[in-house]
Amino acid sequence: MNSINDFIVKPTNERYNNKISVGGKTLIVNSNIEDHRLVSRHATVVSVPLAYNFDIKKGDQIIIPHNIFRRWYDVIGQQRNSSKYFKEDLYFCKPDQIYLYKKSKKWLPFMDRCFIMPIKNTNHLSNDKEQKCVGILKIGNNELEASSINPGDLIGYKPGREWEFVIEGKRIYCMKSNDIVIKYEHKGNEEEYNPSWASSS
């Protein structure tokens, strides 16, 4: 069972990440199916598209947009699956909807995606906890490496590119290579900013 142009995927665990363990009991923290923040973005590849030859193979774990697994209510209040729903627990996913894939226990970027960790704001006169448009490159790609921008570098990026993901307890921002506009010299006092709620996710 292969699609011509799309991956077929399924949730790695569940469609929603809205359960936490408290005192040995399971607590549902939000029952609103439309809340995008709790929709799982972790998927497992069931089959690969016939039209392409990617490094991603059947059984690999990938990171995708929340809208693929998200449910919603129509105008008469009935629950609906997303337009990517195929059947049972299977969904279609286009190649440009994949941001990361896992090989040998390591997350790798897909196409021109990269991931940035924000840093703490050291300006005591500001209420912002993280510095605007500055971060540390955590997951780069070949295009950035060709420009001598590598993981660990302090970079600046275009405003409004903070697309939030939580990967293994770290809140990082997904963006594209052309969103990176400058490479800074480290001052030595930069500190990664990861909110407490992310580390417990």
N, C-alpha and C. Protein backbone atom coordinates (compact mmCIF):
# COMPACT_ATOMS: atom_id res chain seq x y z
N MET A 1 0.85 -1.19 0.00
CA MET A 1 0.00 0.00 0.00
C MET A 1 0.88 1.24 0.00
N ASN A 2 1.02 1.85 -1.16
CA ASN A 2 1.84 3.05 -1.29
C ASN A 2 1.08 4.12 -2.06
N SER A 3 1.19 5.36 -1.58
CA SER A 3 0.66 6.50 -2.33
C SER A 3 1.70 6.91 -3.37
N ILE A 4 1.27 7.58 -4.41
CA ILE A 4 2.22 8.02 -5.44
C ILE A 4 3.06 9.19 -4.94
N ASN A 5 2.41 10.19 -4.34
CA ASN A 5 3.12 11.42 -3.96
C ASN A 5 3.23 11.66 -2.46
N ASP A 6 2.48 10.92 -1.64
CA ASP A 6 2.43 11.18 -0.20
C ASP A 6 2.99 10.02 0.61
N PHE A 7 3.54 10.36 1.77
CA PHE A 7 3.81 9.35 2.78
C PHE A 7 2.49 8.94 3.42
N ILE A 8 2.39 7.72 3.88
CA ILE A 8 1.26 7.30 4.72
C ILE A 8 1.84 7.08 6.11
N VAL A 9 1.25 7.74 7.10
CA VAL A 9 1.79 7.73 8.45
C VAL A 9 0.71 7.41 9.47
N LYS A 10 1.14 7.10 10.68
CA LYS A 10 0.23 6.89 11.80
C LYS A 10 0.83 7.55 13.03
N PRO A 11 0.02 7.90 14.03
CA PRO A 11 0.59 8.48 15.26
C PRO A 11 1.56 7.49 15.92
N THR A 12 2.69 7.99 16.39
CA THR A 12 3.66 7.12 17.05
C THR A 12 3.08 6.58 18.35
N ASN A 13 2.38 7.41 19.09
CA ASN A 13 1.70 6.98 20.32
C ASN A 13 0.20 7.21 20.16
N GLU A 14 -0.25 8.41 20.51
CA GLU A 14 -1.65 8.77 20.33
C GLU A 14 -1.74 10.07 19.56
N ARG A 15 -2.95 10.39 19.09
CA ARG A 15 -3.13 11.61 18.31
C ARG A 15 -2.95 12.86 19.16
N TYR A 16 -3.23 12.75 20.46
CA TYR A 16 -3.14 13.92 21.35
C TYR A 16 -2.20 13.63 22.51
N ASN A 17 -1.38 14.62 22.86
CA ASN A 17 -0.49 14.53 24.01
C ASN A 17 -1.10 15.30 25.17
N ASN A 18 -2.25 14.85 25.64
CA ASN A 18 -2.96 15.60 26.68
C ASN A 18 -3.10 14.83 27.98
N LYS A 19 -2.20 13.87 28.20
CA LYS A 19 -2.25 13.08 29.44
C LYS A 19 -0.92 13.17 30.17
N ILE A 20 -0.99 13.36 31.49
CA ILE A 20 0.20 13.34 32.32
C ILE A 20 -0.05 12.40 33.51
N SER A 21 1.02 11.92 34.09
CA SER A 21 0.91 11.02 35.24
C SER A 21 1.13 11.81 36.52
N VAL A 22 0.17 11.75 37.43
CA VAL A 22 0.26 12.44 38.71
C VAL A 22 -0.07 11.45 39.82
N GLY A 23 0.90 11.17 40.66
CA GLY A 23 0.67 10.25 41.77
C GLY A 23 0.26 8.87 41.34
N GLY A 24 0.78 8.41 40.21
CA GLY A 24 0.45 7.09 39.71
C GLY A 24 -0.86 7.01 38.97
N LYS A 25 -1.52 8.16 38.78
CA LYS A 25 -2.79 8.19 38.06
C LYS A 25 -2.65 9.06 36.81
N THR A 26 -3.46 8.77 35.81
CA THR A 26 -3.42 9.52 34.56
C THR A 26 -4.40 10.68 34.62
N LEU A 27 -3.91 11.88 34.30
CA LEU A 27 -4.72 13.09 34.33
C LEU A 27 -4.79 13.67 32.92
N ILE A 28 -6.01 13.92 32.42
CA ILE A 28 -6.19 14.57 31.13
C ILE A 28 -6.16 16.07 31.37
N VAL A 29 -5.16 16.75 30.79
CA VAL A 29 -4.96 18.17 31.08
C VAL A 29 -5.83 19.07 30.20
N ASN A 30 -6.34 18.54 29.09
CA ASN A 30 -7.19 19.35 28.23
C ASN A 30 -8.01 18.42 27.35
N SER A 31 -9.33 18.58 27.37
CA SER A 31 -10.21 17.73 26.57
C SER A 31 -10.68 18.41 25.30
N ASN A 32 -10.17 19.60 25.00
CA ASN A 32 -10.56 20.34 23.81
C ASN A 32 -9.79 19.80 22.61
N ILE A 33 -10.46 19.11 21.70
CA ILE A 33 -9.77 18.47 20.57
C ILE A 33 -9.21 19.49 19.59
N GLU A 34 -9.67 20.73 19.64
CA GLU A 34 -9.21 21.72 18.67
C GLU A 34 -7.96 22.47 19.11
N ASP A 35 -7.50 22.23 20.34
CA ASP A 35 -6.31 22.91 20.85
C ASP A 35 -5.06 22.33 20.17
N HIS A 36 -4.45 23.10 19.29
CA HIS A 36 -3.33 22.59 18.50
C HIS A 36 -2.10 22.26 19.34
N ARG A 37 -1.98 22.89 20.51
CA ARG A 37 -0.78 22.71 21.33
C ARG A 37 -0.64 21.28 21.85
N LEU A 38 -1.73 20.56 21.94
CA LEU A 38 -1.68 19.21 22.50
C LEU A 38 -1.85 18.12 21.45
N VAL A 39 -1.90 18.51 20.18
CA VAL A 39 -1.97 17.52 19.11
C VAL A 39 -0.57 16.95 18.88
N SER A 40 -0.46 15.65 18.81
CA SER A 40 0.84 15.02 18.62
C SER A 40 1.42 15.36 17.24
N ARG A 41 2.71 15.60 17.21
CA ARG A 41 3.42 15.84 15.95
C ARG A 41 4.39 14.70 15.65
N HIS A 42 4.34 13.66 16.46
CA HIS A 42 5.21 12.51 16.27
C HIS A 42 4.46 11.45 15.48
N ALA A 43 5.03 11.04 14.36
CA ALA A 43 4.40 10.05 13.50
C ALA A 43 5.39 8.95 13.13
N THR A 44 4.85 7.81 12.74
CA THR A 44 5.66 6.69 12.25
C THR A 44 5.27 6.43 10.80
N VAL A 45 6.27 6.26 9.94
CA VAL A 45 6.02 6.05 8.52
C VAL A 45 5.52 4.63 8.28
N VAL A 46 4.37 4.52 7.63
CA VAL A 46 3.79 3.23 7.27
C VAL A 46 4.21 2.84 5.86
N SER A 47 4.24 3.81 4.94
CA SER A 47 4.72 3.56 3.59
C SER A 47 5.25 4.86 2.99
N VAL A 48 6.13 4.74 2.01
CA VAL A 48 6.76 5.91 1.38
C VAL A 48 6.17 6.13 0.00
N PRO A 49 6.22 7.37 -0.52
CA PRO A 49 5.65 7.64 -1.85
C PRO A 49 6.45 6.98 -2.96
N LEU A 50 5.74 6.54 -3.99
CA LEU A 50 6.39 5.86 -5.12
C LEU A 50 7.16 6.82 -6.02
N ALA A 51 6.77 8.10 -6.00
CA ALA A 51 7.35 9.06 -6.94
C ALA A 51 8.70 9.61 -6.49
N TYR A 52 9.12 9.32 -5.27
CA TYR A 52 10.36 9.90 -4.73
C TYR A 52 11.24 8.81 -4.14
N ASN A 53 12.50 9.18 -3.97
CA ASN A 53 13.45 8.29 -3.31
C ASN A 53 14.15 9.07 -2.20
N PHE A 54 13.54 9.09 -1.02
CA PHE A 54 14.09 9.81 0.12
C PHE A 54 14.84 8.86 1.05
N ASP A 55 15.59 9.46 1.96
CA ASP A 55 16.29 8.66 2.97
C ASP A 55 15.32 8.11 4.01
N ILE A 56 14.14 8.69 4.09
CA ILE A 56 13.13 8.23 5.05
C ILE A 56 12.52 6.93 4.56
N LYS A 57 12.45 5.94 5.45
CA LYS A 57 11.96 4.62 5.09
C LYS A 57 10.80 4.20 5.99
N LYS A 58 10.15 3.12 5.63
CA LYS A 58 9.06 2.57 6.42
C LYS A 58 9.55 2.26 7.84
N GLY A 59 8.77 2.68 8.83
CA GLY A 59 9.12 2.45 10.22
C GLY A 59 9.86 3.58 10.88
N ASP A 60 10.35 4.55 10.11
CA ASP A 60 11.06 5.70 10.69
C ASP A 60 10.10 6.61 11.43
N GLN A 61 10.61 7.26 12.48
CA GLN A 61 9.85 8.27 13.19
C GLN A 61 10.09 9.63 12.54
N ILE A 62 9.02 10.43 12.43
CA ILE A 62 9.13 11.75 11.82
C ILE A 62 8.36 12.77 12.66
N ILE A 63 8.67 14.04 12.44
CA ILE A 63 7.95 15.15 13.07
C ILE A 63 7.18 15.88 11.97
N ILE A 64 5.88 16.07 12.20
CA ILE A 64 4.99 16.63 11.18
C ILE A 64 4.15 17.76 11.78
N PRO A 65 3.36 18.49 10.97
CA PRO A 65 2.48 19.55 11.51
C PRO A 65 1.35 18.97 12.36
N HIS A 66 0.85 19.76 13.29
CA HIS A 66 -0.22 19.30 14.17
C HIS A 66 -1.53 19.08 13.40
N ASN A 67 -1.71 19.77 12.28
CA ASN A 67 -3.00 19.70 11.58
C ASN A 67 -3.28 18.35 10.93
N ILE A 68 -2.28 17.50 10.80
CA ILE A 68 -2.52 16.20 10.17
C ILE A 68 -3.37 15.31 11.07
N PHE A 69 -3.05 15.26 12.36
CA PHE A 69 -3.81 14.41 13.29
C PHE A 69 -4.96 15.15 13.98
N ARG A 70 -5.04 16.42 13.83
CA ARG A 70 -6.01 17.23 14.57
C ARG A 70 -7.45 16.96 14.11
N ARG A 71 -8.37 16.90 15.08
CA ARG A 71 -9.80 16.80 14.79
C ARG A 71 -10.45 18.17 14.99
N TRP A 72 -11.63 18.36 14.42
CA TRP A 72 -12.31 19.64 14.51
C TRP A 72 -13.81 19.43 14.46
N TYR A 73 -14.56 20.47 14.82
CA TYR A 73 -16.02 20.42 14.78
C TYR A 73 -16.54 21.20 13.57
N ASP A 74 -17.50 20.60 12.85
CA ASP A 74 -18.10 21.32 11.72
C ASP A 74 -19.20 22.25 12.22
N VAL A 75 -19.94 22.87 11.31
CA VAL A 75 -20.93 23.89 11.68
C VAL A 75 -22.12 23.34 12.46
N ILE A 76 -22.33 22.01 12.40
CA ILE A 76 -23.43 21.43 13.18
C ILE A 76 -22.91 20.68 14.41
N GLY A 77 -21.63 20.88 14.72
CA GLY A 77 -21.07 20.33 15.94
C GLY A 77 -20.58 18.90 15.89
N GLN A 78 -20.46 18.34 14.69
CA GLN A 78 -19.97 16.98 14.56
C GLN A 78 -18.44 16.97 14.43
N GLN A 79 -17.81 15.98 15.06
CA GLN A 79 -16.36 15.85 14.96
C GLN A 79 -15.96 15.38 13.55
N ARG A 80 -14.90 15.99 13.05
CA ARG A 80 -14.37 15.62 11.74
C ARG A 80 -12.87 15.38 11.84
N ASN A 81 -12.37 14.48 11.01
CA ASN A 81 -10.94 14.29 10.87
C ASN A 81 -10.39 15.34 9.92
N SER A 82 -9.07 15.50 9.94
CA SER A 82 -8.44 16.43 9.02
C SER A 82 -8.57 15.92 7.59
N SER A 83 -8.26 16.79 6.64
CA SER A 83 -8.33 16.40 5.22
C SER A 83 -7.27 15.36 4.87
N LYS A 84 -6.31 15.14 5.77
CA LYS A 84 -5.24 14.16 5.52
C LYS A 84 -5.62 12.76 5.99
N TYR A 85 -6.78 12.62 6.59
CA TYR A 85 -7.20 11.31 7.09
C TYR A 85 -7.42 10.34 5.93
N PHE A 86 -6.88 9.12 6.07
CA PHE A 86 -7.02 8.08 5.04
C PHE A 86 -8.04 7.05 5.48
N LYS A 87 -7.69 6.26 6.49
CA LYS A 87 -8.61 5.27 7.04
C LYS A 87 -8.04 4.77 8.36
N GLU A 88 -8.94 4.27 9.21
CA GLU A 88 -8.54 3.75 10.51
C GLU A 88 -7.60 4.74 11.20
N ASP A 89 -6.33 4.37 11.42
CA ASP A 89 -5.40 5.27 12.11
C ASP A 89 -4.31 5.75 11.17
N LEU A 90 -4.63 5.86 9.86
CA LEU A 90 -3.65 6.21 8.85
C LEU A 90 -3.96 7.57 8.23
N TYR A 91 -2.88 8.30 7.87
CA TYR A 91 -3.01 9.66 7.34
C TYR A 91 -2.01 9.87 6.21
N PHE A 92 -2.37 10.75 5.27
CA PHE A 92 -1.45 11.15 4.21
C PHE A 92 -0.59 12.31 4.71
N CYS A 93 0.66 12.33 4.26
CA CYS A 93 1.57 13.41 4.65
C CYS A 93 2.48 13.72 3.46
N LYS A 94 2.44 14.97 2.99
CA LYS A 94 3.28 15.36 1.86
C LYS A 94 4.74 15.52 2.31
N PRO A 95 5.69 15.33 1.41
CA PRO A 95 7.10 15.47 1.79
C PRO A 95 7.45 16.80 2.45
N ASP A 96 6.84 17.91 1.98
CA ASP A 96 7.18 19.21 2.57
C ASP A 96 6.50 19.44 3.92
N GLN A 97 5.77 18.44 4.42
CA GLN A 97 5.18 18.52 5.75
C GLN A 97 6.01 17.74 6.78
N ILE A 98 7.16 17.26 6.38
CA ILE A 98 8.06 16.56 7.30
C ILE A 98 9.19 17.51 7.68
N TYR A 99 9.45 17.62 8.98
CA TYR A 99 10.46 18.55 9.46
C TYR A 99 11.71 17.86 9.99
N LEU A 100 11.52 16.73 10.64
CA LEU A 100 12.63 15.95 11.16
C LEU A 100 12.35 14.46 10.94
N TYR A 101 13.40 13.68 10.85
CA TYR A 101 13.23 12.23 10.86
C TYR A 101 14.36 11.63 11.68
N LYS A 102 14.10 10.46 12.23
CA LYS A 102 15.04 9.85 13.17
C LYS A 102 15.75 8.67 12.55
N LYS A 103 17.10 8.69 12.62
CA LYS A 103 17.93 7.60 12.16
C LYS A 103 18.99 7.32 13.22
N SER A 104 19.11 6.06 13.61
CA SER A 104 20.12 5.67 14.61
C SER A 104 20.01 6.54 15.87
N LYS A 105 18.76 6.76 16.32
CA LYS A 105 18.46 7.50 17.55
C LYS A 105 18.83 8.98 17.47
N LYS A 106 19.03 9.49 16.27
CA LYS A 106 19.39 10.90 16.09
C LYS A 106 18.38 11.58 15.18
N TRP A 107 17.92 12.78 15.59
CA TRP A 107 17.00 13.54 14.76
C TRP A 107 17.77 14.28 13.68
N LEU A 108 17.32 14.15 12.44
CA LEU A 108 17.97 14.76 11.29
C LEU A 108 16.99 15.70 10.59
N PRO A 109 17.48 16.81 10.03
CA PRO A 109 16.58 17.74 9.34
C PRO A 109 16.15 17.17 7.99
N PHE A 110 14.97 17.60 7.55
CA PHE A 110 14.48 17.17 6.24
C PHE A 110 14.37 18.38 5.34
N MET A 111 14.96 18.27 4.16
CA MET A 111 15.00 19.36 3.19
C MET A 111 15.71 20.58 3.79
N ASP A 112 15.08 21.76 3.75
CA ASP A 112 15.78 22.98 4.19
C ASP A 112 15.38 23.41 5.61
N ARG A 113 14.87 22.47 6.40
CA ARG A 113 14.47 22.80 7.77
C ARG A 113 15.68 22.89 8.70
N CYS A 114 15.55 23.72 9.72
CA CYS A 114 16.54 23.79 10.79
C CYS A 114 15.82 24.14 12.08
N PHE A 115 16.49 23.93 13.21
CA PHE A 115 15.86 24.14 14.51
C PHE A 115 16.76 24.96 15.42
N ILE A 116 16.13 25.94 16.07
CA ILE A 116 16.85 26.92 16.88
C ILE A 116 16.38 26.86 18.32
N MET A 117 17.34 26.88 19.25
CA MET A 117 17.02 26.98 20.68
C MET A 117 17.13 28.44 21.10
N PRO A 118 16.06 29.04 21.65
CA PRO A 118 16.16 30.43 22.10
C PRO A 118 17.10 30.55 23.30
N ILE A 119 17.59 31.76 23.54
CA ILE A 119 18.47 32.01 24.68
C ILE A 119 17.80 32.99 25.64
N LYS A 120 18.24 32.95 26.89
CA LYS A 120 17.67 33.81 27.91
C LYS A 120 17.98 35.28 27.62
N ASN A 121 17.02 36.12 27.95
CA ASN A 121 17.21 37.56 27.82
C ASN A 121 17.93 38.08 29.05
N THR A 122 19.07 38.71 28.87
CA THR A 122 19.87 39.22 30.00
C THR A 122 19.59 40.68 30.31
N ASN A 123 18.64 41.27 29.57
CA ASN A 123 18.26 42.66 29.81
C ASN A 123 17.28 42.71 30.98
N HIS A 124 17.73 43.19 32.12
CA HIS A 124 16.90 43.21 33.33
C HIS A 124 15.77 44.24 33.26
N LEU A 125 15.80 45.11 32.27
CA LEU A 125 14.74 46.10 32.10
C LEU A 125 13.60 45.60 31.22
N SER A 126 13.74 44.38 30.74
CA SER A 126 12.73 43.79 29.85
C SER A 126 11.99 42.67 30.57
N ASN A 127 10.70 42.53 30.27
CA ASN A 127 9.90 41.44 30.83
C ASN A 127 10.00 40.16 30.00
N ASP A 128 10.61 40.26 28.82
CA ASP A 128 10.74 39.09 27.96
C ASP A 128 11.77 38.12 28.54
N LYS A 129 11.39 36.85 28.62
CA LYS A 129 12.29 35.86 29.20
C LYS A 129 13.33 35.36 28.21
N GLU A 130 13.04 35.51 26.93
CA GLU A 130 14.01 35.08 25.93
C GLU A 130 14.35 36.23 25.00
N GLN A 131 15.54 36.18 24.45
CA GLN A 131 16.00 37.24 23.56
C GLN A 131 15.32 37.11 22.21
N LYS A 132 14.89 38.24 21.67
CA LYS A 132 14.15 38.24 20.41
C LYS A 132 15.08 37.96 19.23
N CYS A 133 14.67 37.04 18.38
CA CYS A 133 15.31 36.78 17.09
C CYS A 133 16.78 36.37 17.19
N VAL A 134 17.16 35.81 18.32
CA VAL A 134 18.52 35.30 18.51
C VAL A 134 18.43 33.94 19.16
N GLY A 135 19.23 32.99 18.72
CA GLY A 135 19.21 31.67 19.32
C GLY A 135 20.44 30.86 18.94
N ILE A 136 20.46 29.64 19.40
CA ILE A 136 21.56 28.73 19.11
C ILE A 136 21.05 27.66 18.15
N LEU A 137 21.76 27.46 17.06
CA LEU A 137 21.38 26.44 16.10
C LEU A 137 21.59 25.07 16.72
N LYS A 138 20.51 24.29 16.82
CA LYS A 138 20.60 22.95 17.41
C LYS A 138 20.64 21.86 16.34
N ILE A 139 19.84 22.03 15.29
CA ILE A 139 19.82 21.06 14.19
C ILE A 139 19.92 21.85 12.89
N GLY A 140 21.03 21.70 12.19
CA GLY A 140 21.24 22.43 10.95
C GLY A 140 20.94 21.56 9.74
N ASN A 141 21.46 21.97 8.59
CA ASN A 141 21.28 21.20 7.36
C ASN A 141 22.45 21.49 6.43
N ASN A 142 22.48 20.82 5.29
CA ASN A 142 23.60 20.94 4.37
C ASN A 142 23.76 22.36 3.82
N GLU A 143 22.64 23.03 3.60
CA GLU A 143 22.69 24.39 3.06
C GLU A 143 23.37 25.35 4.04
N LEU A 144 23.04 25.22 5.32
CA LEU A 144 23.67 26.07 6.33
C LEU A 144 25.14 25.71 6.51
N GLU A 145 25.46 24.43 6.49
CA GLU A 145 26.85 24.00 6.62
C GLU A 145 27.71 24.57 5.49
N ALA A 146 27.13 24.66 4.29
CA ALA A 146 27.87 25.24 3.16
C ALA A 146 28.18 26.71 3.39
N SER A 147 27.40 27.35 4.25
CA SER A 147 27.64 28.76 4.61
C SER A 147 28.40 28.88 5.93
N SER A 148 28.99 27.76 6.38
CA SER A 148 29.78 27.71 7.63
C SER A 148 28.94 28.05 8.85
N ILE A 149 27.66 27.66 8.84
CA ILE A 149 26.78 27.80 10.00
C ILE A 149 26.46 26.40 10.49
N ASN A 150 26.92 26.08 11.68
CA ASN A 150 26.85 24.71 12.19
C ASN A 150 26.15 24.67 13.54
N PRO A 151 25.64 23.49 13.95
CA PRO A 151 25.03 23.37 15.28
C PRO A 151 25.96 23.90 16.37
N GLY A 152 25.38 24.67 17.29
CA GLY A 152 26.15 25.31 18.34
C GLY A 152 26.44 26.77 18.08
N ASP A 153 26.27 27.21 16.82
CA ASP A 153 26.52 28.61 16.48
C ASP A 153 25.39 29.51 16.99
N LEU A 154 25.77 30.72 17.36
CA LEU A 154 24.80 31.74 17.78
C LEU A 154 24.36 32.48 16.53
N ILE A 155 23.06 32.48 16.26
CA ILE A 155 22.56 33.06 15.01
C ILE A 155 21.42 34.04 15.27
N GLY A 156 21.15 34.87 14.28
CA GLY A 156 19.99 35.75 14.29
C GLY A 156 19.04 35.33 13.18
N TYR A 157 17.75 35.45 13.42
CA TYR A 157 16.76 35.03 12.43
C TYR A 157 15.68 36.09 12.25
N LYS A 158 14.94 35.98 11.16
CA LYS A 158 13.89 36.94 10.84
C LYS A 158 12.79 36.91 11.89
N PRO A 159 12.17 38.05 12.18
CA PRO A 159 11.06 38.06 13.16
C PRO A 159 9.85 37.28 12.66
N GLY A 160 9.11 36.71 13.60
CA GLY A 160 7.89 35.99 13.27
C GLY A 160 8.12 34.59 12.76
N ARG A 161 9.34 34.05 12.95
CA ARG A 161 9.64 32.71 12.47
C ARG A 161 9.63 31.68 13.59
N GLU A 162 9.14 32.04 14.78
CA GLU A 162 9.18 31.16 15.94
C GLU A 162 8.06 30.13 15.90
N TRP A 163 8.26 29.09 15.11
CA TRP A 163 7.30 27.99 15.02
C TRP A 163 7.71 26.94 16.03
N GLU A 164 6.93 26.83 17.08
CA GLU A 164 7.34 26.08 18.28
C GLU A 164 7.12 24.58 18.17
N PHE A 165 8.15 23.83 18.54
CA PHE A 165 8.08 22.37 18.65
C PHE A 165 8.72 21.96 19.97
N VAL A 166 8.26 20.85 20.53
CA VAL A 166 8.92 20.27 21.71
C VAL A 166 9.45 18.92 21.29
N ILE A 167 10.78 18.80 21.29
CA ILE A 167 11.45 17.57 20.87
C ILE A 167 12.28 17.06 22.04
N GLU A 168 11.89 15.90 22.57
CA GLU A 168 12.59 15.27 23.69
C GLU A 168 12.82 16.25 24.85
N GLY A 169 11.75 16.94 25.22
CA GLY A 169 11.79 17.82 26.38
C GLY A 169 12.44 19.17 26.14
N LYS A 170 12.73 19.50 24.89
CA LYS A 170 13.33 20.79 24.56
C LYS A 170 12.40 21.55 23.63
N ARG A 171 12.08 22.79 24.02
CA ARG A 171 11.28 23.63 23.13
C ARG A 171 12.22 24.34 22.16
N ILE A 172 12.05 24.05 20.88
CA ILE A 172 12.89 24.64 19.86
C ILE A 172 12.01 25.18 18.74
N TYR A 173 12.59 26.10 17.97
CA TYR A 173 11.84 26.73 16.89
C TYR A 173 12.26 26.15 15.54
N CYS A 174 11.28 25.73 14.77
CA CYS A 174 11.52 25.25 13.42
C CYS A 174 11.45 26.42 12.45
N MET A 175 12.41 26.47 11.54
CA MET A 175 12.38 27.48 10.47
C MET A 175 13.15 26.94 9.27
N LYS A 176 13.26 27.75 8.23
CA LYS A 176 13.98 27.35 7.03
C LYS A 176 15.34 28.03 6.97
N SER A 177 16.20 27.50 6.12
CA SER A 177 17.56 28.03 6.01
C SER A 177 17.58 29.53 5.72
N ASN A 178 16.69 29.99 4.83
CA ASN A 178 16.72 31.41 4.47
C ASN A 178 16.13 32.32 5.54
N ASP A 179 15.65 31.72 6.65
CA ASP A 179 15.21 32.54 7.79
C ASP A 179 16.40 32.96 8.65
N ILE A 180 17.54 32.29 8.49
CA ILE A 180 18.75 32.64 9.24
C ILE A 180 19.44 33.78 8.51
N VAL A 181 19.66 34.89 9.20
CA VAL A 181 20.19 36.08 8.52
C VAL A 181 21.59 36.48 8.97
N ILE A 182 22.06 35.98 10.11
CA ILE A 182 23.37 36.40 10.59
C ILE A 182 23.94 35.37 11.57
N LYS A 183 25.25 35.28 11.59
CA LYS A 183 25.96 34.44 12.55
C LYS A 183 26.75 35.35 13.47
N TYR A 184 26.52 35.23 14.78
CA TYR A 184 27.19 36.07 15.78
C TYR A 184 28.38 35.34 16.38
N GLU A 185 29.27 36.13 16.95
CA GLU A 185 30.33 35.56 17.78
C GLU A 185 29.78 35.34 19.18
N HIS A 186 30.08 34.21 19.76
CA HIS A 186 29.63 33.94 21.13
C HIS A 186 30.30 34.91 22.10
N LYS A 187 29.50 35.45 23.02
CA LYS A 187 30.05 36.31 24.07
C LYS A 187 30.47 35.50 25.30
N GLY A 188 29.96 34.28 25.40
CA GLY A 188 30.33 33.42 26.51
C GLY A 188 29.32 33.37 27.62
N ASN A 189 28.32 34.28 27.59
CA ASN A 189 27.31 34.30 28.66
C ASN A 189 25.93 33.89 28.16
N GLU A 190 25.87 33.35 26.96
CA GLU A 190 24.58 32.92 26.42
C GLU A 190 24.09 31.67 27.14
N GLU A 191 22.81 31.68 27.50
CA GLU A 191 22.23 30.54 28.20
C GLU A 191 20.93 30.14 27.51
N GLU A 192 20.81 28.86 27.19
CA GLU A 192 19.60 28.38 26.53
C GLU A 192 18.38 28.60 27.42
N TYR A 193 17.27 28.94 26.77
CA TYR A 193 16.03 29.14 27.52
C TYR A 193 15.04 28.03 27.14
N ASN A 194 14.74 27.18 28.11
CA ASN A 194 13.77 26.10 27.92
C ASN A 194 12.77 26.16 29.07
N PRO A 195 11.52 26.58 28.81
CA PRO A 195 10.53 26.70 29.89
C PRO A 195 10.29 25.37 30.58
N SER A 196 9.92 25.43 31.85
CA SER A 196 9.76 24.23 32.67
C SER A 196 8.69 23.31 32.12
N TRP A 197 7.63 23.87 31.51
CA TRP A 197 6.56 23.02 30.99
C TRP A 197 7.05 22.15 29.84
N ALA A 198 8.05 22.63 29.08
CA ALA A 198 8.55 21.85 27.95
C ALA A 198 9.36 20.65 28.44
N SER A 199 10.17 20.85 29.47
CA SER A 199 11.01 19.76 29.96
C SER A 199 10.20 18.65 30.60
N SER A 200 8.97 18.95 30.99
CA SER A 200 8.10 17.93 31.59
C SER A 200 7.18 17.27 30.57
N SER A 201 7.28 17.71 29.32
CA SER A 201 6.41 17.17 28.27
C SER A 201 6.91 15.81 27.80
